[in-house]
Amino acid sequence: MLDDEDSAAIVRAVATLGEGLHMPVTAEGIETQAVLDHLRQYGGITGQGYLYGRPPPRGRTRRMAG
């Protein structure tokens, strides 16, 4: 997104659409502070990604019954 104008345009469009429809927007894959800083210009976007925390190793997770 930071190096690709087309990707940045898509993010901007989705953020604007969410704001116009009064719907929350969640960004995936926030891996660096630079990406988070860029997203903050669009308002109240929430997000997830390695910047917030890495998943635990496979051996530390529980099996889900299913």
PDB file of N, CA and C in Angstrom:
ATOM      1  N   MET A   1       0.823  -1.180   0.000  1.00  0.00           N
ATOM      2  CA  MET A   1       0.000   0.000   0.000  1.00  0.00           C
ATOM      3  C   MET A   1       0.873   1.251   0.000  1.00  0.00           C
ATOM      4  N   LEU A   2       1.957   1.223   0.744  1.00  0.00           N
ATOM      5  CA  LEU A   2       2.796   2.415   0.828  1.00  0.00           C
ATOM      6  C   LEU A   2       3.543   2.686  -0.468  1.00  0.00           C
ATOM      7  N   ASP A   3       3.816   1.638  -1.223  1.00  0.00           N
ATOM      8  CA  ASP A   3       4.588   1.794  -2.457  1.00  0.00           C
ATOM      9  C   ASP A   3       3.766   1.602  -3.723  1.00  0.00           C
ATOM     10  N   ASP A   4       2.481   1.376  -3.582  1.00  0.00           N
ATOM     11  CA  ASP A   4       1.632   1.072  -4.736  1.00  0.00           C
ATOM     12  C   ASP A   4       0.418   1.996  -4.726  1.00  0.00           C
ATOM     13  N   GLU A   5       0.388   2.909  -5.665  1.00  0.00           N
ATOM     14  CA  GLU A   5      -0.700   3.895  -5.718  1.00  0.00           C
ATOM     15  C   GLU A   5      -2.067   3.248  -5.910  1.00  0.00           C
ATOM     16  N   ASP A   6      -2.127   2.163  -6.674  1.00  0.00           N
ATOM     17  CA  ASP A   6      -3.410   1.482  -6.879  1.00  0.00           C
ATOM     18  C   ASP A   6      -3.926   0.880  -5.573  1.00  0.00           C
ATOM     19  N   SER A   7      -3.039   0.257  -4.817  1.00  0.00           N
ATOM     20  CA  SER A   7      -3.443  -0.304  -3.516  1.00  0.00           C
ATOM     21  C   SER A   7      -3.887   0.797  -2.567  1.00  0.00           C
ATOM     22  N   ALA A   8      -3.167   1.894  -2.550  1.00  0.00           N
ATOM     23  CA  ALA A   8      -3.526   3.017  -1.688  1.00  0.00           C
ATOM     24  C   ALA A   8      -4.899   3.574  -2.071  1.00  0.00           C
ATOM     25  N   ALA A   9      -5.196   3.615  -3.370  1.00  0.00           N
ATOM     26  CA  ALA A   9      -6.495   4.109  -3.830  1.00  0.00           C
ATOM     27  C   ALA A   9      -7.625   3.183  -3.377  1.00  0.00           C
ATOM     28  N   ILE A  10      -7.385   1.885  -3.396  1.00  0.00           N
ATOM     29  CA  ILE A  10      -8.404   0.938  -2.936  1.00  0.00           C
ATOM     30  C   ILE A  10      -8.657   1.111  -1.440  1.00  0.00           C
ATOM     31  N   VAL A  11      -7.593   1.244  -0.661  1.00  0.00           N
ATOM     32  CA  VAL A  11      -7.739   1.443   0.787  1.00  0.00           C
ATOM     33  C   VAL A  11      -8.516   2.726   1.062  1.00  0.00           C
ATOM     34  N   ARG A  12      -8.163   3.777   0.357  1.00  0.00           N
ATOM     35  CA  ARG A  12      -8.855   5.062   0.527  1.00  0.00           C
ATOM     36  C   ARG A  12     -10.338   4.930   0.173  1.00  0.00           C
ATOM     37  N   ALA A  13     -10.652   4.218  -0.895  1.00  0.00           N
ATOM     38  CA  ALA A  13     -12.041   4.045  -1.316  1.00  0.00           C
ATOM     39  C   ALA A  13     -12.842   3.242  -0.300  1.00  0.00           C
ATOM     40  N   VAL A  14     -12.263   2.171   0.209  1.00  0.00           N
ATOM     41  CA  VAL A  14     -12.963   1.346   1.198  1.00  0.00           C
ATOM     42  C   VAL A  14     -13.168   2.129   2.487  1.00  0.00           C
ATOM     43  N   ALA A  15     -12.164   2.869   2.917  1.00  0.00           N
ATOM     44  CA  ALA A  15     -12.295   3.677   4.132  1.00  0.00           C
ATOM     45  C   ALA A  15     -13.380   4.732   3.975  1.00  0.00           C
ATOM     46  N   THR A  16     -13.422   5.381   2.827  1.00  0.00           N
ATOM     47  CA  THR A  16     -14.436   6.397   2.563  1.00  0.00           C
ATOM     48  C   THR A  16     -15.834   5.778   2.496  1.00  0.00           C
ATOM     49  N   LEU A  17     -15.944   4.620   1.867  1.00  0.00           N
ATOM     50  CA  LEU A  17     -17.217   3.923   1.790  1.00  0.00           C
ATOM     51  C   LEU A  17     -17.717   3.546   3.186  1.00  0.00           C
ATOM     52  N   GLY A  18     -16.848   2.973   3.994  1.00  0.00           N
ATOM     53  CA  GLY A  18     -17.228   2.612   5.355  1.00  0.00           C
ATOM     54  C   GLY A  18     -17.683   3.813   6.160  1.00  0.00           C
ATOM     55  N   GLU A  19     -16.964   4.909   6.030  1.00  0.00           N
ATOM     56  CA  GLU A  19     -17.343   6.126   6.749  1.00  0.00           C
ATOM     57  C   GLU A  19     -18.707   6.629   6.272  1.00  0.00           C
ATOM     58  N   GLY A  20     -18.922   6.636   4.971  1.00  0.00           N
ATOM     59  CA  GLY A  20     -20.184   7.114   4.419  1.00  0.00           C
ATOM     60  C   GLY A  20     -21.372   6.261   4.818  1.00  0.00           C
ATOM     61  N   LEU A  21     -21.143   4.960   5.001  1.00  0.00           N
ATOM     62  CA  LEU A  21     -22.213   4.048   5.389  1.00  0.00           C
ATOM     63  C   LEU A  21     -22.290   3.846   6.903  1.00  0.00           C
ATOM     64  N   HIS A  22     -21.438   4.552   7.628  1.00  0.00           N
ATOM     65  CA  HIS A  22     -21.373   4.434   9.096  1.00  0.00           C
ATOM     66  C   HIS A  22     -21.118   2.991   9.518  1.00  0.00           C
ATOM     67  N   MET A  23     -20.189   2.352   8.803  1.00  0.00           N
ATOM     68  CA  MET A  23     -19.821   0.960   9.080  1.00  0.00           C
ATOM     69  C   MET A  23     -18.347   0.915   9.483  1.00  0.00           C
ATOM     70  N   PRO A  24     -18.011   0.011  10.411  1.00  0.00           N
ATOM     71  CA  PRO A  24     -16.598  -0.096  10.788  1.00  0.00           C
ATOM     72  C   PRO A  24     -15.767  -0.708   9.663  1.00  0.00           C
ATOM     73  N   VAL A  25     -14.530  -0.298   9.601  1.00  0.00           N
ATOM     74  CA  VAL A  25     -13.594  -0.832   8.620  1.00  0.00           C
ATOM     75  C   VAL A  25     -12.414  -1.438   9.387  1.00  0.00           C
ATOM     76  N   THR A  26     -12.063  -2.676   9.049  1.00  0.00           N
ATOM     77  CA  THR A  26     -10.940  -3.353   9.685  1.00  0.00           C
ATOM     78  C   THR A  26      -9.886  -3.671   8.635  1.00  0.00           C
ATOM     79  N   ALA A  27      -8.671  -3.237   8.877  1.00  0.00           N
ATOM     80  CA  ALA A  27      -7.558  -3.499   7.963  1.00  0.00           C
ATOM     81  C   ALA A  27      -6.787  -4.718   8.453  1.00  0.00           C
ATOM     82  N   GLU A  28      -6.447  -5.595   7.538  1.00  0.00           N
ATOM     83  CA  GLU A  28      -5.639  -6.777   7.839  1.00  0.00           C
ATOM     84  C   GLU A  28      -4.196  -6.531   7.458  1.00  0.00           C
ATOM     85  N   GLY A  29      -3.312  -7.244   8.124  1.00  0.00           N
ATOM     86  CA  GLY A  29      -1.912  -7.249   7.698  1.00  0.00           C
ATOM     87  C   GLY A  29      -1.132  -6.010   8.081  1.00  0.00           C
ATOM     88  N   ILE A  30      -1.486  -5.380   9.188  1.00  0.00           N
ATOM     89  CA  ILE A  30      -0.711  -4.222   9.643  1.00  0.00           C
ATOM     90  C   ILE A  30       0.560  -4.761  10.286  1.00  0.00           C
ATOM     91  N   GLU A  31       1.656  -4.632   9.572  1.00  0.00           N
ATOM     92  CA  GLU A  31       2.912  -5.223  10.022  1.00  0.00           C
ATOM     93  C   GLU A  31       3.930  -4.198  10.492  1.00  0.00           C
ATOM     94  N   THR A  32       3.772  -2.938  10.099  1.00  0.00           N
ATOM     95  CA  THR A  32       4.755  -1.923  10.483  1.00  0.00           C
ATOM     96  C   THR A  32       4.046  -0.670  10.986  1.00  0.00           C
ATOM     97  N   GLN A  33       4.782   0.112  11.748  1.00  0.00           N
ATOM     98  CA  GLN A  33       4.252   1.378  12.243  1.00  0.00           C
ATOM     99  C   GLN A  33       3.941   2.325  11.085  1.00  0.00           C
ATOM    100  N   ALA A  34       4.730   2.256  10.026  1.00  0.00           N
ATOM    101  CA  ALA A  34       4.498   3.118   8.857  1.00  0.00           C
ATOM    102  C   ALA A  34       3.134   2.847   8.237  1.00  0.00           C
ATOM    103  N   VAL A  35       2.748   1.584   8.146  1.00  0.00           N
ATOM    104  CA  VAL A  35       1.430   1.236   7.593  1.00  0.00           C
ATOM    105  C   VAL A  35       0.334   1.747   8.513  1.00  0.00           C
ATOM    106  N   LEU A  36       0.495   1.543   9.822  1.00  0.00           N
ATOM    107  CA  LEU A  36      -0.496   2.039  10.774  1.00  0.00           C
ATOM    108  C   LEU A  36      -0.627   3.555  10.686  1.00  0.00           C
ATOM    109  N   ASP A  37       0.484   4.253  10.619  1.00  0.00           N
ATOM    110  CA  ASP A  37       0.451   5.715  10.504  1.00  0.00           C
ATOM    111  C   ASP A  37      -0.287   6.153   9.245  1.00  0.00           C
ATOM    112  N   HIS A  38      -0.070   5.447   8.147  1.00  0.00           N
ATOM    113  CA  HIS A  38      -0.758   5.769   6.897  1.00  0.00           C
ATOM    114  C   HIS A  38      -2.273   5.565   7.038  1.00  0.00           C
ATOM    115  N   LEU A  39      -2.671   4.456   7.659  1.00  0.00           N
ATOM    116  CA  LEU A  39      -4.095   4.159   7.819  1.00  0.00           C
ATOM    117  C   LEU A  39      -4.796   5.166   8.727  1.00  0.00           C
ATOM    118  N   ARG A  40      -4.085   5.715   9.680  1.00  0.00           N
ATOM    119  CA  ARG A  40      -4.704   6.655  10.636  1.00  0.00           C
ATOM    120  C   ARG A  40      -5.243   7.907   9.953  1.00  0.00           C
ATOM    121  N   GLN A  41      -4.735   8.239   8.785  1.00  0.00           N
ATOM    122  CA  GLN A  41      -5.242   9.420   8.095  1.00  0.00           C
ATOM    123  C   GLN A  41      -6.690   9.234   7.634  1.00  0.00           C
ATOM    124  N   TYR A  42      -7.155   7.988   7.614  1.00  0.00           N
ATOM    125  CA  TYR A  42      -8.516   7.703   7.164  1.00  0.00           C
ATOM    126  C   TYR A  42      -9.510   7.631   8.316  1.00  0.00           C
ATOM    127  N   GLY A  43      -9.103   7.972   9.501  1.00  0.00           N
ATOM    128  CA  GLY A  43     -10.041   7.993  10.619  1.00  0.00           C
ATOM    129  C   GLY A  43     -10.001   6.737  11.452  1.00  0.00           C
ATOM    130  N   GLY A  44     -11.185   6.265  11.837  1.00  0.00           N
ATOM    131  CA  GLY A  44     -11.312   5.200  12.819  1.00  0.00           C
ATOM    132  C   GLY A  44     -11.189   3.794  12.295  1.00  0.00           C
ATOM    133  N   ILE A  45     -10.215   3.525  11.481  1.00  0.00           N
ATOM    134  CA  ILE A  45     -10.000   2.161  11.009  1.00  0.00           C
ATOM    135  C   ILE A  45      -9.366   1.350  12.127  1.00  0.00           C
ATOM    136  N   THR A  46      -9.884   0.165  12.359  1.00  0.00           N
ATOM    137  CA  THR A  46      -9.239  -0.756  13.291  1.00  0.00           C
ATOM    138  C   THR A  46      -8.441  -1.765  12.473  1.00  0.00           C
ATOM    139  N   GLY A  47      -7.598  -2.525  13.139  1.00  0.00           N
ATOM    140  CA  GLY A  47      -6.793  -3.442  12.363  1.00  0.00           C
ATOM    141  C   GLY A  47      -6.224  -4.585  13.163  1.00  0.00           C
ATOM    142  N   GLN A  48      -5.568  -5.465  12.430  1.00  0.00           N
ATOM    143  CA  GLN A  48      -4.882  -6.604  13.025  1.00  0.00           C
ATOM    144  C   GLN A  48      -3.642  -6.875  12.194  1.00  0.00           C
ATOM    145  N   GLY A  49      -2.703  -7.532  12.807  1.00  0.00           N
ATOM    146  CA  GLY A  49      -1.485  -7.881  12.090  1.00  0.00           C
ATOM    147  C   GLY A  49      -0.321  -8.060  13.041  1.00  0.00           C
ATOM    148  N   TYR A  50       0.831  -8.370  12.482  1.00  0.00           N
ATOM    149  CA  TYR A  50       2.014  -8.648  13.284  1.00  0.00           C
ATOM    150  C   TYR A  50       2.435  -7.473  14.162  1.00  0.00           C
ATOM    151  N   LEU A  51       2.091  -6.251  13.776  1.00  0.00           N
ATOM    152  CA  LEU A  51       2.447  -5.105  14.614  1.00  0.00           C
ATOM    153  C   LEU A  51       1.821  -5.231  15.996  1.00  0.00           C
ATOM    154  N   TYR A  52       0.646  -5.818  16.069  1.00  0.00           N
ATOM    155  CA  TYR A  52      -0.074  -5.962  17.334  1.00  0.00           C
ATOM    156  C   TYR A  52       0.315  -7.232  18.078  1.00  0.00           C
ATOM    157  N   GLY A  53       0.733  -8.252  17.366  1.00  0.00           N
ATOM    158  CA  GLY A  53       1.132  -9.496  18.005  1.00  0.00           C
ATOM    159  C   GLY A  53       1.213 -10.622  16.998  1.00  0.00           C
ATOM    160  N   ARG A  54       2.156 -11.469  17.204  1.00  0.00           N
ATOM    161  CA  ARG A  54       2.327 -12.629  16.328  1.00  0.00           C
ATOM    162  C   ARG A  54       1.533 -13.803  16.887  1.00  0.00           C
ATOM    163  N   PRO A  55       1.068 -14.689  16.035  1.00  0.00           N
ATOM    164  CA  PRO A  55       0.349 -15.866  16.528  1.00  0.00           C
ATOM    165  C   PRO A  55       1.294 -16.765  17.326  1.00  0.00           C
ATOM    166  N   PRO A  56       0.756 -17.491  18.299  1.00  0.00           N
ATOM    167  CA  PRO A  56       1.613 -18.389  19.069  1.00  0.00           C
ATOM    168  C   PRO A  56       2.056 -19.572  18.213  1.00  0.00           C
ATOM    169  N   PRO A  57       3.142 -20.212  18.608  1.00  0.00           N
ATOM    170  CA  PRO A  57       3.581 -21.399  17.874  1.00  0.00           C
ATOM    171  C   PRO A  57       2.497 -22.472  17.874  1.00  0.00           C
ATOM    172  N   ARG A  58       2.506 -23.290  16.865  1.00  0.00           N
ATOM    173  CA  ARG A  58       1.476 -24.297  16.698  1.00  0.00           C
ATOM    174  C   ARG A  58       1.333 -25.183  17.934  1.00  0.00           C
ATOM    175  N   GLY A  59       2.409 -25.534  18.571  1.00  0.00           N
ATOM    176  CA  GLY A  59       2.364 -26.402  19.732  1.00  0.00           C
ATOM    177  C   GLY A  59       1.732 -25.770  20.959  1.00  0.00           C
ATOM    178  N   ARG A  60       1.557 -24.459  20.961  1.00  0.00           N
ATOM    179  CA  ARG A  60       0.991 -23.769  22.116  1.00  0.00           C
ATOM    180  C   ARG A  60      -0.499 -23.494  21.976  1.00  0.00           C
ATOM    181  N   THR A  61      -1.082 -23.918  20.910  1.00  0.00           N
ATOM    182  CA  THR A  61      -2.514 -23.702  20.727  1.00  0.00           C
ATOM    183  C   THR A  61      -3.267 -24.979  21.063  1.00  0.00           C
ATOM    184  N   ARG A  62      -4.493 -24.822  21.459  1.00  0.00           N
ATOM    185  CA  ARG A  62      -5.332 -25.981  21.787  1.00  0.00           C
ATOM    186  C   ARG A  62      -6.066 -26.443  20.547  1.00  0.00           C
ATOM    187  N   ARG A  63      -6.324 -27.722  20.504  1.00  0.00           N
ATOM    188  CA  ARG A  63      -7.166 -28.255  19.416  1.00  0.00           C
ATOM    189  C   ARG A  63      -8.610 -27.903  19.694  1.00  0.00           C
ATOM    190  N   MET A  64      -9.287 -27.508  18.676  1.00  0.00           N
ATOM    191  CA  MET A  64     -10.709 -27.208  18.788  1.00  0.00           C
ATOM    192  C   MET A  64     -11.488 -28.493  18.556  1.00  0.00           C
ATOM    193  N   ALA A  65     -12.430 -28.765  19.416  1.00  0.00           N
ATOM    194  CA  ALA A  65     -13.291 -29.939  19.213  1.00  0.00           C
ATOM    195  C   ALA A  65     -14.239 -29.631  18.058  1.00  0.00           C
ATOM    196  N   GLY A  66     -14.416 -30.551  17.202  1.00  0.00           N
ATOM    197  CA  GLY A  66     -15.285 -30.196  16.105  1.00  0.00           C
ATOM    198  C   GLY A  66     -15.825 -31.346  15.432  1.00  0.00           C
TER     199      GLY A  66
END
